[in-house]
Amino acid sequence: MTDRSEAAIRDELAQNLALIEPGLSLVGVEFHLKNAHGARGFVDILARDSLGNLVIIELKRSESTSRQAIHELFKYTMLVRAGHGISVGKLRCLLLSTSWSELMVPFSDFVRNVEFAAEAKRLVLDDAGRVNAVLPVPLVADPTAAGLLPWHNIYLYGDAVARSAGAMELADGMRRAGISDYVLALLDHRGEGGNVIHRSAIYAAVSMHFADGRHLVPYTSPEYAEYERLTYRASRRVVPESVEIGYPDKLRQILRSWEVGRVVRGGRFSSDALWPDDGLIGLMLSEDGEYSGWLEVLASPRHLPGWKKSLGRIAQFLEGNCNWSRGIEDILSHLEHTATASLEIFNPRDVIAAVGHAVRHENTSAFSVLELIVDAEGEVRVFKGFVCWDGTTRPADPVEVMGRVLAGGAAEYSDLYHFDGVGPHDPALMACHGLSHELFEVADGRFVRRFDAVDGGWVEFDEGQRRLFRPAAEFLLANQAYCRALEALTHVIEVPG
């Protein structure tokens, strides 16, 4: 299929709004929204429905950007309400996407937590990349009760025929091993030619709960050994060309160049009406942030059960990150009952991997970042978090630096990395490099306050303090030889940027 851009699809839809919904009239394309708080954006399509409601239509074409969609939708609705006085009763939003693998679970949460009407629709494209249809997407119930283990297996094949036979055998093996609840995503590589050896794969995940009543707890050695024993039994008759370890963030990266052809499921996941394929992929991606470096939260104190759950998720996700966790707790604890908070965080908890990614790709996209937008009945506050450098720390020897924190040095780091165990050591590793997580409040396009976890409060921030809190990019530039040596020493695999 022709890989048309989002802009081309957007323009086609803007000229044929009836494809989305009968009775829509166009207000604008790439409609500019701005305010004085530093939050701004461009709505893909702004329309009005037959009842006079304003409709914000956001289009997502690529997997790499879809995780931002919900946060952007909230921001756009907030800007329309705050900047133009549109009431929630006269506002709707539609999210259109060709794929819902990364969107299904968080968007279902989004719909449950916002006051205005929100809908999901799937774009169906023909071989030329033109829009054939726009179909409603059924949302899923809260998936937390049926969790998947974050340990995954990837079975690689040279062709789809052998892969399909392997999937049937693996499904039979799961039942023989007593694994009743499982998900097998059949993946195919999108590209043609090149150096890709394996073009078909089975990406397998299993439930924490087993047919005999056992329940495995993630990230403990005895439990992982039991998981390996069970999955080995399940896959004894499966003959792939290669096998790799998987985990949620690796799947997130894989989906940039692979697509899901079909999902084979068992046990409580058997009903495709209650568990659509996209919902299961979202579960494998751990979109609630429990086993992933990404977390998106949309919540309000007026929905108390969901609010308490969200606070717990944030605290768990930011464990060890004192500045961000305490700063966000301070912000959210003072919210009024009617306020709504939208929070997006990338927190991989691994500064070594972030440095390695930066050396290979010459960017800082693998460093932690956050954006929090608070809407209290039209009063908007924006907070942003970054990794900052103190401007003075210049490490010399990566072996010595890693040895300060990890007794086993680079070898121990490699083991921890592959089993997602670097996190508890990350604050100490960051300190060795003069790096820290800083949280700022933004107004009028500039930083006005910084949260200080040591003093336990907010302090005024002015241009004179910038030299003490420099961007991570300046650390990389000032320590190029060290960063290259660190990357060569660790050789970690890619992290999502």
Protein backbone atom coordinates (compact mmCIF):
# COMPACT_ATOMS: atom_id res chain seq x y z
CA MET A 1 0.00 0.00 0.00
CA THR A 2 1.24 3.51 -0.82
CA ASP A 3 2.60 5.24 2.26
CA ARG A 4 0.72 8.55 2.06
CA SER A 5 1.49 11.22 4.62
CA GLU A 6 -0.83 12.32 7.40
CA ALA A 7 -1.13 15.70 5.68
CA ALA A 8 -2.35 14.14 2.42
CA ILE A 9 -4.94 12.01 4.23
CA ARG A 10 -5.98 15.00 6.35
CA ASP A 11 -6.59 17.15 3.26
CA GLU A 12 -8.57 14.36 1.59
CA LEU A 13 -10.79 13.99 4.66
CA ALA A 14 -11.25 17.77 5.00
CA GLN A 15 -12.69 17.81 1.47
CA ASN A 16 -14.90 14.78 2.19
CA LEU A 17 -16.09 15.23 5.78
CA ALA A 18 -19.12 13.00 5.16
CA LEU A 19 -16.69 10.06 5.22
CA ILE A 20 -16.16 10.83 8.90
CA GLU A 21 -19.72 11.75 9.80
CA PRO A 22 -22.73 13.01 7.83
CA GLY A 23 -23.55 16.67 8.47
CA LEU A 24 -20.06 17.90 9.35
CA SER A 25 -19.01 21.31 8.02
CA LEU A 26 -15.41 22.51 7.85
CA VAL A 27 -14.17 25.26 10.18
CA GLY A 28 -10.48 24.95 9.42
CA VAL A 29 -7.49 22.72 8.61
CA GLU A 30 -4.37 22.87 10.80
CA PHE A 31 -6.36 25.30 12.95
CA HIS A 32 -3.93 27.21 15.19
CA LEU A 33 -4.64 27.28 18.92
CA LYS A 34 -2.52 29.31 21.31
CA ASN A 35 -2.57 30.81 24.78
CA ALA A 36 -0.28 32.62 27.17
CA HIS A 37 0.81 29.54 29.10
CA GLY A 38 3.21 28.08 26.57
CA ALA A 39 0.82 25.33 25.41
CA ARG A 40 -0.19 25.62 21.76
CA GLY A 41 -1.06 23.34 18.91
CA PHE A 42 -2.60 22.84 15.50
CA VAL A 43 -5.84 20.88 15.23
CA ASP A 44 -5.73 18.65 12.15
CA ILE A 45 -9.37 19.33 11.27
CA LEU A 46 -11.81 21.59 13.11
CA ALA A 47 -15.44 21.06 12.13
CA ARG A 48 -18.99 21.70 13.28
CA ASP A 49 -21.63 18.98 13.44
CA SER A 50 -25.30 19.17 12.45
CA LEU A 51 -26.26 20.15 16.02
CA GLY A 52 -23.82 23.06 16.15
CA ASN A 53 -21.21 21.33 18.31
CA LEU A 54 -17.55 22.10 17.67
CA VAL A 55 -15.68 18.92 16.66
CA ILE A 56 -11.92 18.55 17.11
CA ILE A 57 -10.66 15.87 14.72
CA GLU A 58 -7.15 14.52 15.23
CA LEU A 59 -5.50 12.14 12.75
CA LYS A 60 -2.69 9.69 13.57
CA ARG A 61 -1.04 7.79 10.73
CA SER A 62 2.15 6.40 12.31
CA GLU A 63 2.80 4.21 15.35
CA SER A 64 5.69 6.44 16.45
CA THR A 65 3.34 9.39 17.06
CA SER A 66 0.17 7.65 18.20
CA ARG A 67 1.19 7.55 21.85
CA GLN A 68 1.02 11.39 21.91
CA ALA A 69 -2.49 11.53 20.46
CA ILE A 70 -4.51 11.43 23.68
CA HIS A 71 -2.39 14.02 25.44
CA GLU A 72 -2.68 16.30 22.38
CA LEU A 73 -6.45 15.85 22.23
CA PHE A 74 -6.79 16.90 25.85
CA LYS A 75 -4.52 19.90 25.23
CA TYR A 76 -6.53 21.00 22.19
CA THR A 77 -9.88 20.74 23.98
CA MET A 78 -8.42 22.67 26.91
CA LEU A 79 -7.15 25.42 24.58
CA VAL A 80 -10.52 25.68 22.83
CA ARG A 81 -12.32 25.95 26.16
CA ALA A 82 -9.85 28.35 27.77
CA GLY A 83 -9.13 30.51 24.74
CA HIS A 84 -12.55 30.62 23.09
CA GLY A 85 -15.07 29.98 25.86
CA ILE A 86 -16.59 26.81 24.34
CA SER A 87 -18.52 24.83 26.97
CA VAL A 88 -18.01 21.08 27.37
CA GLY A 89 -21.60 20.51 26.28
CA LYS A 90 -20.85 22.03 22.87
CA LEU A 91 -17.53 20.26 22.31
CA ARG A 92 -16.68 16.88 20.83
CA CYS A 93 -13.45 15.21 19.78
CA LEU A 94 -12.79 12.44 17.28
CA LEU A 95 -9.55 10.48 17.06
CA LEU A 96 -8.92 8.83 13.68
CA SER A 97 -6.15 6.28 13.20
CA THR A 98 -5.22 3.52 10.78
CA SER A 99 -3.97 1.45 13.73
CA TRP A 100 -5.24 1.27 17.28
CA SER A 101 -2.59 -1.02 18.78
CA GLU A 102 -1.09 1.73 20.96
CA LEU A 103 -4.30 3.69 21.43
CA MET A 104 -7.12 1.34 22.37
CA VAL A 105 -6.57 1.00 26.12
CA PRO A 106 -5.54 4.60 26.95
CA PHE A 107 -8.24 6.09 24.73
CA SER A 108 -10.85 3.97 26.49
CA ASP A 109 -9.61 5.49 29.76
CA PHE A 110 -9.71 8.95 28.16
CA VAL A 111 -13.39 8.56 27.22
CA ARG A 112 -14.28 7.44 30.75
CA ASN A 113 -12.56 10.41 32.39
CA VAL A 114 -13.46 13.46 30.30
CA GLU A 115 -16.64 15.54 30.49
CA PHE A 116 -17.05 16.07 26.75
CA ALA A 117 -18.00 13.54 24.07
CA ALA A 118 -15.07 11.60 22.60
CA GLU A 119 -15.11 8.92 19.92
CA ALA A 120 -12.64 6.56 18.26
CA LYS A 121 -12.70 5.74 14.55
CA ARG A 122 -10.52 3.59 12.30
CA LEU A 123 -9.29 4.80 8.94
CA VAL A 124 -9.43 2.11 6.24
CA LEU A 125 -7.10 2.91 3.34
CA ASP A 126 -6.94 1.33 -0.11
CA ASP A 127 -3.77 0.23 -1.92
CA ALA A 128 -3.20 3.78 -3.13
CA GLY A 129 -3.36 5.08 0.45
CA ARG A 130 -6.71 6.80 -0.06
CA VAL A 131 -9.51 6.64 2.49
CA ASN A 132 -11.96 3.83 1.75
CA ALA A 133 -13.97 4.10 4.94
CA VAL A 134 -14.03 5.55 8.45
CA LEU A 135 -15.37 2.95 10.91
CA PRO A 136 -16.29 3.21 14.61
CA VAL A 137 -13.90 1.48 17.01
CA PRO A 138 -15.39 -0.41 20.00
CA LEU A 139 -13.73 0.61 23.26
CA VAL A 140 -12.56 -1.90 25.86
CA ALA A 141 -13.28 -2.25 29.55
CA ASP A 142 -10.57 -1.53 32.12
CA PRO A 143 -8.01 -4.28 31.37
CA THR A 144 -6.15 -4.23 34.67
CA ALA A 145 -7.81 -7.41 36.00
CA ALA A 146 -6.36 -9.52 33.17
CA GLY A 147 -2.72 -8.51 33.17
CA LEU A 148 0.00 -10.01 30.98
CA LEU A 149 3.47 -10.81 32.21
CA PRO A 150 6.07 -8.31 30.93
CA TRP A 151 8.30 -11.22 29.85
CA HIS A 152 7.67 -12.03 26.19
CA ASN A 153 9.12 -14.40 23.57
CA ILE A 154 9.64 -13.60 19.89
CA TYR A 155 9.76 -16.51 17.42
CA LEU A 156 11.25 -15.43 14.07
CA TYR A 157 10.61 -16.99 10.66
CA GLY A 158 11.68 -16.39 7.09
CA ASP A 159 8.16 -16.60 5.69
CA ALA A 160 4.54 -16.31 6.78
CA VAL A 161 3.60 -19.91 5.93
CA ALA A 162 6.06 -21.42 8.42
CA ARG A 163 5.10 -18.75 10.96
CA SER A 164 1.38 -19.60 10.74
CA ALA A 165 2.10 -23.30 11.27
CA GLY A 166 4.29 -22.39 14.23
CA ALA A 167 1.51 -20.28 15.74
CA MET A 168 -0.91 -23.22 15.63
CA GLU A 169 1.64 -25.46 17.29
CA LEU A 170 2.46 -22.84 19.92
CA ALA A 171 -1.23 -22.35 20.77
CA ASP A 172 -1.57 -26.12 21.30
CA GLY A 173 1.59 -26.07 23.39
CA MET A 174 0.24 -23.29 25.61
CA ARG A 175 -2.75 -25.42 26.50
CA ARG A 176 -0.59 -28.48 27.11
CA ALA A 177 1.63 -26.45 29.46
CA GLY A 178 -1.39 -25.23 31.47
CA ILE A 179 -1.22 -21.66 30.15
CA SER A 180 -4.88 -20.88 29.51
CA ASP A 181 -4.64 -17.11 28.91
CA TYR A 182 -2.21 -16.16 26.15
CA VAL A 183 -1.81 -13.75 23.23
CA LEU A 184 0.14 -14.50 20.05
CA ALA A 185 0.58 -11.54 17.70
CA LEU A 186 1.53 -12.57 14.18
CA LEU A 187 3.85 -9.88 12.83
CA ASP A 188 5.12 -9.14 9.32
CA HIS A 189 7.91 -6.75 8.39
CA ARG A 190 6.63 -3.80 6.34
CA GLY A 191 9.68 -3.14 4.17
CA GLU A 192 10.79 -4.85 0.99
CA GLY A 193 14.35 -5.91 0.23
CA GLY A 194 17.17 -4.70 2.46
CA ASN A 195 19.06 -6.79 4.99
CA VAL A 196 16.07 -8.06 6.97
CA ILE A 197 16.62 -11.81 7.45
CA HIS A 198 13.36 -12.67 9.20
CA ARG A 199 10.18 -11.14 7.80
CA SER A 200 7.60 -13.00 9.87
CA ALA A 201 7.32 -13.48 13.61
CA ILE A 202 5.17 -14.67 16.49
CA TYR A 203 5.22 -12.26 19.41
CA ALA A 204 3.99 -14.24 22.44
CA ALA A 205 2.77 -13.03 25.85
CA VAL A 206 1.04 -14.98 28.62
CA SER A 207 -1.15 -14.07 31.57
CA MET A 208 0.02 -13.82 35.15
CA HIS A 209 -2.73 -16.32 36.03
CA PHE A 210 -2.58 -20.01 35.13
CA ALA A 211 -5.17 -22.75 34.76
CA ASP A 212 -4.06 -24.48 37.98
CA GLY A 213 -4.55 -21.31 40.05
CA ARG A 214 -0.92 -20.16 40.16
CA HIS A 215 -0.11 -16.47 39.91
CA LEU A 216 3.36 -15.28 38.84
CA VAL A 217 4.76 -12.00 40.16
CA PRO A 218 6.93 -10.12 37.62
CA TYR A 219 10.61 -9.30 38.15
CA THR A 220 11.52 -11.95 40.70
CA SER A 221 14.11 -14.62 39.83
CA PRO A 222 12.16 -17.73 40.99
CA GLU A 223 9.06 -16.54 39.14
CA TYR A 224 11.02 -15.92 35.95
CA ALA A 225 12.50 -19.41 36.17
CA GLU A 226 8.96 -20.81 36.43
CA TYR A 227 7.89 -18.70 33.44
CA GLU A 228 10.82 -20.04 31.40
CA ARG A 229 9.95 -23.62 32.34
CA LEU A 230 6.32 -23.22 31.30
CA THR A 231 7.02 -21.42 28.03
CA TYR A 232 9.75 -23.96 27.17
CA ARG A 233 7.19 -26.74 27.58
CA ALA A 234 4.75 -24.80 25.42
CA SER A 235 7.24 -24.24 22.60
CA ARG A 236 9.02 -27.64 22.48
CA ARG A 237 7.40 -28.55 19.14
CA VAL A 238 7.81 -25.08 17.66
CA VAL A 239 10.75 -24.76 15.24
CA PRO A 240 11.47 -21.08 14.43
CA GLU A 241 14.63 -19.88 12.75
CA SER A 242 15.50 -17.76 15.80
CA VAL A 243 14.12 -16.80 19.22
CA GLU A 244 14.50 -13.47 21.04
CA ILE A 245 13.45 -12.03 24.39
CA GLY A 246 10.69 -9.41 24.28
CA TYR A 247 9.18 -6.85 26.65
CA PRO A 248 6.67 -3.98 26.28
CA ASP A 249 9.04 -1.24 25.16
CA LYS A 250 10.78 -3.57 22.71
CA LEU A 251 7.37 -4.35 21.18
CA ARG A 252 6.70 -0.60 20.96
CA GLN A 253 9.89 -0.25 18.94
CA ILE A 254 9.17 -3.32 16.79
CA LEU A 255 5.79 -1.92 15.76
CA ARG A 256 7.53 0.98 14.03
CA SER A 257 8.60 -1.33 11.19
CA TRP A 258 6.39 -4.41 11.68
CA GLU A 259 2.62 -4.70 11.43
CA VAL A 260 0.18 -7.01 13.17
CA GLY A 261 -1.47 -9.34 10.68
CA ARG A 262 -3.52 -11.45 13.07
CA VAL A 263 -3.85 -12.16 16.78
CA VAL A 264 -4.28 -15.69 18.15
CA ARG A 265 -5.64 -15.77 21.69
CA GLY A 266 -6.76 -18.17 24.39
CA GLY A 267 -8.60 -18.34 27.70
CA ARG A 268 -10.12 -15.11 28.99
CA PHE A 269 -8.82 -13.34 25.88
CA SER A 270 -10.76 -15.62 23.49
CA SER A 271 -13.66 -13.23 22.82
CA ASP A 272 -12.69 -10.77 20.09
CA ALA A 273 -15.86 -8.80 20.88
CA LEU A 274 -14.72 -8.14 24.46
CA TRP A 275 -11.02 -8.15 23.63
CA PRO A 276 -10.42 -6.61 20.15
CA ASP A 277 -7.00 -7.26 18.68
CA ASP A 278 -5.90 -3.67 19.27
CA GLY A 279 -6.90 -3.91 22.93
CA LEU A 280 -4.70 -6.97 23.38
CA ILE A 281 -1.76 -5.28 21.67
CA GLY A 282 -2.25 -2.36 24.05
CA LEU A 283 -2.14 -4.79 26.97
CA MET A 284 1.11 -6.27 25.65
CA LEU A 285 2.52 -2.74 25.41
CA SER A 286 1.68 -2.14 29.10
CA GLU A 287 0.07 1.19 28.32
CA ASP A 288 -0.68 1.82 31.99
CA GLY A 289 3.09 2.27 32.47
CA GLU A 290 3.50 -0.60 34.93
CA TYR A 291 6.08 -2.41 32.79
CA SER A 292 6.90 0.31 30.27
CA GLY A 293 8.90 3.50 30.05
CA TRP A 294 5.79 5.39 28.88
CA LEU A 295 2.87 6.57 30.96
CA GLU A 296 -0.14 8.65 29.90
CA VAL A 297 -2.68 9.69 32.53
CA LEU A 298 -5.86 11.70 32.19
CA ALA A 299 -7.75 12.05 35.47
CA SER A 300 -9.81 14.33 37.68
CA PRO A 301 -10.54 14.39 41.45
CA ARG A 302 -14.25 14.43 40.61
CA HIS A 303 -13.88 10.77 39.56
CA LEU A 304 -12.44 9.61 42.88
CA PRO A 305 -11.75 5.88 42.20
CA GLY A 306 -9.97 6.65 38.93
CA TRP A 307 -8.14 9.56 40.54
CA LYS A 308 -6.77 7.42 43.36
CA LYS A 309 -5.72 4.75 40.87
CA SER A 310 -3.95 7.36 38.75
CA LEU A 311 -2.04 8.77 41.73
CA GLY A 312 -0.88 5.27 42.59
CA ARG A 313 0.23 4.61 39.01
CA ILE A 314 2.23 7.85 38.91
CA ALA A 315 3.92 7.17 42.26
CA GLN A 316 4.89 3.66 41.18
CA PHE A 317 6.07 4.79 37.75
CA LEU A 318 8.31 7.53 39.19
CA GLU A 319 9.72 5.51 42.09
CA GLY A 320 13.24 6.75 42.78
CA ASN A 321 12.72 9.97 40.76
CA CYS A 322 12.28 12.28 43.76
CA ASN A 323 12.07 15.62 41.97
CA TRP A 324 9.35 14.58 39.55
CA SER A 325 7.35 12.37 41.92
CA ARG A 326 7.29 14.93 44.75
CA GLY A 327 6.69 17.84 42.39
CA ILE A 328 3.76 16.15 40.66
CA GLU A 329 2.35 15.03 44.01
CA ASP A 330 2.51 18.65 45.20
CA ILE A 331 0.69 19.90 42.08
CA LEU A 332 -2.01 17.25 42.09
CA SER A 333 -2.63 17.37 45.83
CA HIS A 334 -3.72 21.03 45.54
CA LEU A 335 -6.11 20.58 42.62
CA GLU A 336 -9.70 21.62 43.01
CA HIS A 337 -12.43 19.01 42.74
CA THR A 338 -13.44 20.08 39.23
CA ALA A 339 -9.91 20.25 37.76
CA THR A 340 -8.56 17.82 35.17
CA ALA A 341 -4.93 16.81 34.73
CA SER A 342 -3.31 15.35 31.61
CA LEU A 343 0.15 13.89 32.15
CA GLU A 344 2.51 12.31 29.63
CA ILE A 345 5.83 10.89 30.84
CA PHE A 346 8.70 9.04 29.20
CA ASN A 347 10.81 7.68 32.05
CA PRO A 348 12.98 4.74 30.93
CA ARG A 349 15.00 4.86 34.18
CA ASP A 350 18.27 4.11 32.38
CA VAL A 351 20.65 7.01 31.73
CA ILE A 352 23.31 4.64 30.30
CA ALA A 353 20.94 3.48 27.55
CA ALA A 354 19.95 7.10 26.91
CA VAL A 355 23.59 8.12 26.41
CA GLY A 356 24.16 5.14 24.08
CA HIS A 357 21.11 6.07 22.02
CA ALA A 358 22.32 9.68 21.82
CA VAL A 359 25.76 8.61 20.57
CA ARG A 360 24.24 6.45 17.83
CA HIS A 361 21.51 8.86 16.73
CA GLU A 362 22.85 12.30 17.76
CA ASN A 363 19.73 13.29 19.68
CA THR A 364 18.41 13.22 23.24
CA SER A 365 15.06 11.52 22.52
CA ALA A 366 15.85 8.61 24.87
CA PHE A 367 16.25 10.88 27.92
CA SER A 368 13.31 11.24 30.31
CA VAL A 369 10.76 13.97 29.62
CA LEU A 370 7.29 14.91 30.88
CA GLU A 371 4.49 17.37 30.24
CA LEU A 372 1.65 18.02 32.70
CA ILE A 373 -1.30 20.25 31.79
CA VAL A 374 -3.79 21.20 34.49
CA ASP A 375 -7.17 22.67 33.52
CA ALA A 376 -9.09 24.12 36.47
CA GLU A 377 -12.27 25.45 34.84
CA GLY A 378 -10.42 27.44 32.23
CA GLU A 379 -7.38 28.38 34.36
CA VAL A 380 -4.56 26.54 32.67
CA ARG A 381 -1.15 25.68 34.11
CA VAL A 382 1.64 23.92 32.21
CA PHE A 383 4.56 21.98 33.70
CA LYS A 384 7.48 20.41 31.86
CA GLY A 385 10.19 18.02 33.04
CA PHE A 386 13.64 17.46 31.56
CA VAL A 387 16.98 15.84 32.34
CA CYS A 388 19.42 18.65 33.14
CA TRP A 389 23.20 18.83 33.57
CA ASP A 390 24.97 20.79 36.30
CA GLY A 391 27.48 22.14 33.77
CA THR A 392 30.55 21.07 35.76
CA THR A 393 30.62 17.26 36.11
CA ARG A 394 32.93 15.73 33.49
CA PRO A 395 33.36 11.96 34.00
CA ALA A 396 36.54 10.51 32.53
CA ASP A 397 36.49 6.71 32.70
CA PRO A 398 33.20 4.78 32.14
CA VAL A 399 34.63 1.66 33.82
CA GLU A 400 35.38 3.63 36.99
CA VAL A 401 32.04 5.47 36.90
CA MET A 402 29.97 2.31 36.49
CA GLY A 403 32.03 0.58 39.16
CA ARG A 404 30.97 3.20 41.70
CA VAL A 405 27.37 2.04 41.39
CA LEU A 406 27.54 -1.54 40.06
CA ALA A 407 30.06 -3.94 41.53
CA GLY A 408 30.00 -6.02 38.35
CA GLY A 409 30.51 -3.01 36.09
CA ALA A 410 29.40 -3.24 32.45
CA ALA A 411 28.68 -6.99 32.68
CA GLU A 412 26.28 -6.45 35.57
CA TYR A 413 24.69 -3.54 33.73
CA SER A 414 24.05 -5.74 30.68
CA ASP A 415 22.29 -8.37 32.82
CA LEU A 416 20.20 -5.72 34.56
CA TYR A 417 19.30 -4.06 31.27
CA HIS A 418 17.90 -7.21 29.68
CA PHE A 419 15.76 -7.97 32.72
CA ASP A 420 14.63 -4.36 33.30
CA GLY A 421 16.57 -4.09 36.54
CA VAL A 422 18.56 -0.88 35.98
CA GLY A 423 15.86 1.37 37.44
CA PRO A 424 16.81 1.21 41.15
CA HIS A 425 20.41 2.15 40.24
CA ASP A 426 19.50 4.96 37.83
CA PRO A 427 19.46 7.86 40.37
CA ALA A 428 23.02 7.00 41.45
CA LEU A 429 24.19 6.60 37.84
CA MET A 430 22.68 9.98 36.95
CA ALA A 431 24.37 11.65 39.92
CA CYS A 432 27.75 10.29 38.75
CA HIS A 433 27.22 12.20 35.51
CA GLY A 434 25.95 15.43 37.09
CA LEU A 435 22.48 14.82 35.65
CA SER A 436 19.14 15.30 37.39
CA HIS A 437 15.40 15.30 36.68
CA GLU A 438 14.12 18.87 36.90
CA LEU A 439 10.50 20.04 36.90
CA PHE A 440 9.51 23.54 35.76
CA GLU A 441 6.31 25.55 35.53
CA VAL A 442 5.95 27.32 32.18
CA ALA A 443 4.09 30.57 31.57
CA ASP A 444 4.23 33.01 28.67
CA GLY A 445 6.60 30.63 26.91
CA ARG A 446 9.29 30.72 29.63
CA PHE A 447 10.26 28.82 32.77
CA VAL A 448 9.01 30.73 35.82
CA ARG A 449 9.39 28.23 38.69
CA ARG A 450 11.39 25.09 39.48
CA PHE A 451 10.51 22.38 41.98
CA ASP A 452 13.23 21.74 44.57
CA ALA A 453 12.77 18.33 46.22
CA VAL A 454 15.44 19.11 48.81
CA ASP A 455 13.66 22.20 50.10
CA GLY A 456 10.29 20.60 49.37
CA GLY A 457 8.76 23.42 47.39
CA TRP A 458 8.74 25.68 44.36
CA VAL A 459 11.41 28.34 43.82
CA GLU A 460 11.44 31.20 41.35
CA PHE A 461 13.46 30.52 38.21
CA ASP A 462 15.21 33.21 36.23
CA GLU A 463 17.71 33.36 33.38
CA GLY A 464 20.63 33.55 35.82
CA GLN A 465 19.90 30.01 37.02
CA ARG A 466 20.04 28.47 33.54
CA ARG A 467 23.78 27.81 33.87
CA LEU A 468 23.01 25.45 36.79
CA PHE A 469 20.37 23.51 34.85
CA ARG A 470 21.64 22.96 31.33
CA PRO A 471 20.01 20.66 28.74
CA ALA A 472 21.25 17.07 28.50
CA ALA A 473 22.46 17.89 24.98
CA GLU A 474 25.16 20.13 26.51
CA PHE A 475 26.41 17.21 28.64
CA LEU A 476 26.75 15.09 25.50
CA LEU A 477 28.57 17.87 23.64
CA ALA A 478 30.98 18.59 26.51
CA ASN A 479 31.77 14.89 27.12
CA GLN A 480 31.90 13.41 23.63
CA ALA A 481 34.88 11.10 24.15
CA TYR A 482 33.48 9.77 27.42
CA CYS A 483 30.02 9.15 25.91
CA ARG A 484 31.48 7.25 22.97
CA ALA A 485 33.54 5.11 25.33
CA LEU A 486 30.48 4.43 27.53
CA GLU A 487 28.42 3.36 24.50
CA ALA A 488 31.21 1.05 23.29
CA LEU A 489 31.51 -0.48 26.77
CA THR A 490 27.82 -1.29 27.25
CA HIS A 491 26.53 -2.00 23.70
CA VAL A 492 22.91 -1.92 24.83
CA ILE A 493 20.15 -2.49 22.31
CA GLU A 494 17.93 0.35 21.15
CA VAL A 495 15.51 2.07 23.48
CA PRO A 496 12.45 3.83 22.06
CA GLY A 497 13.20 7.48 21.38
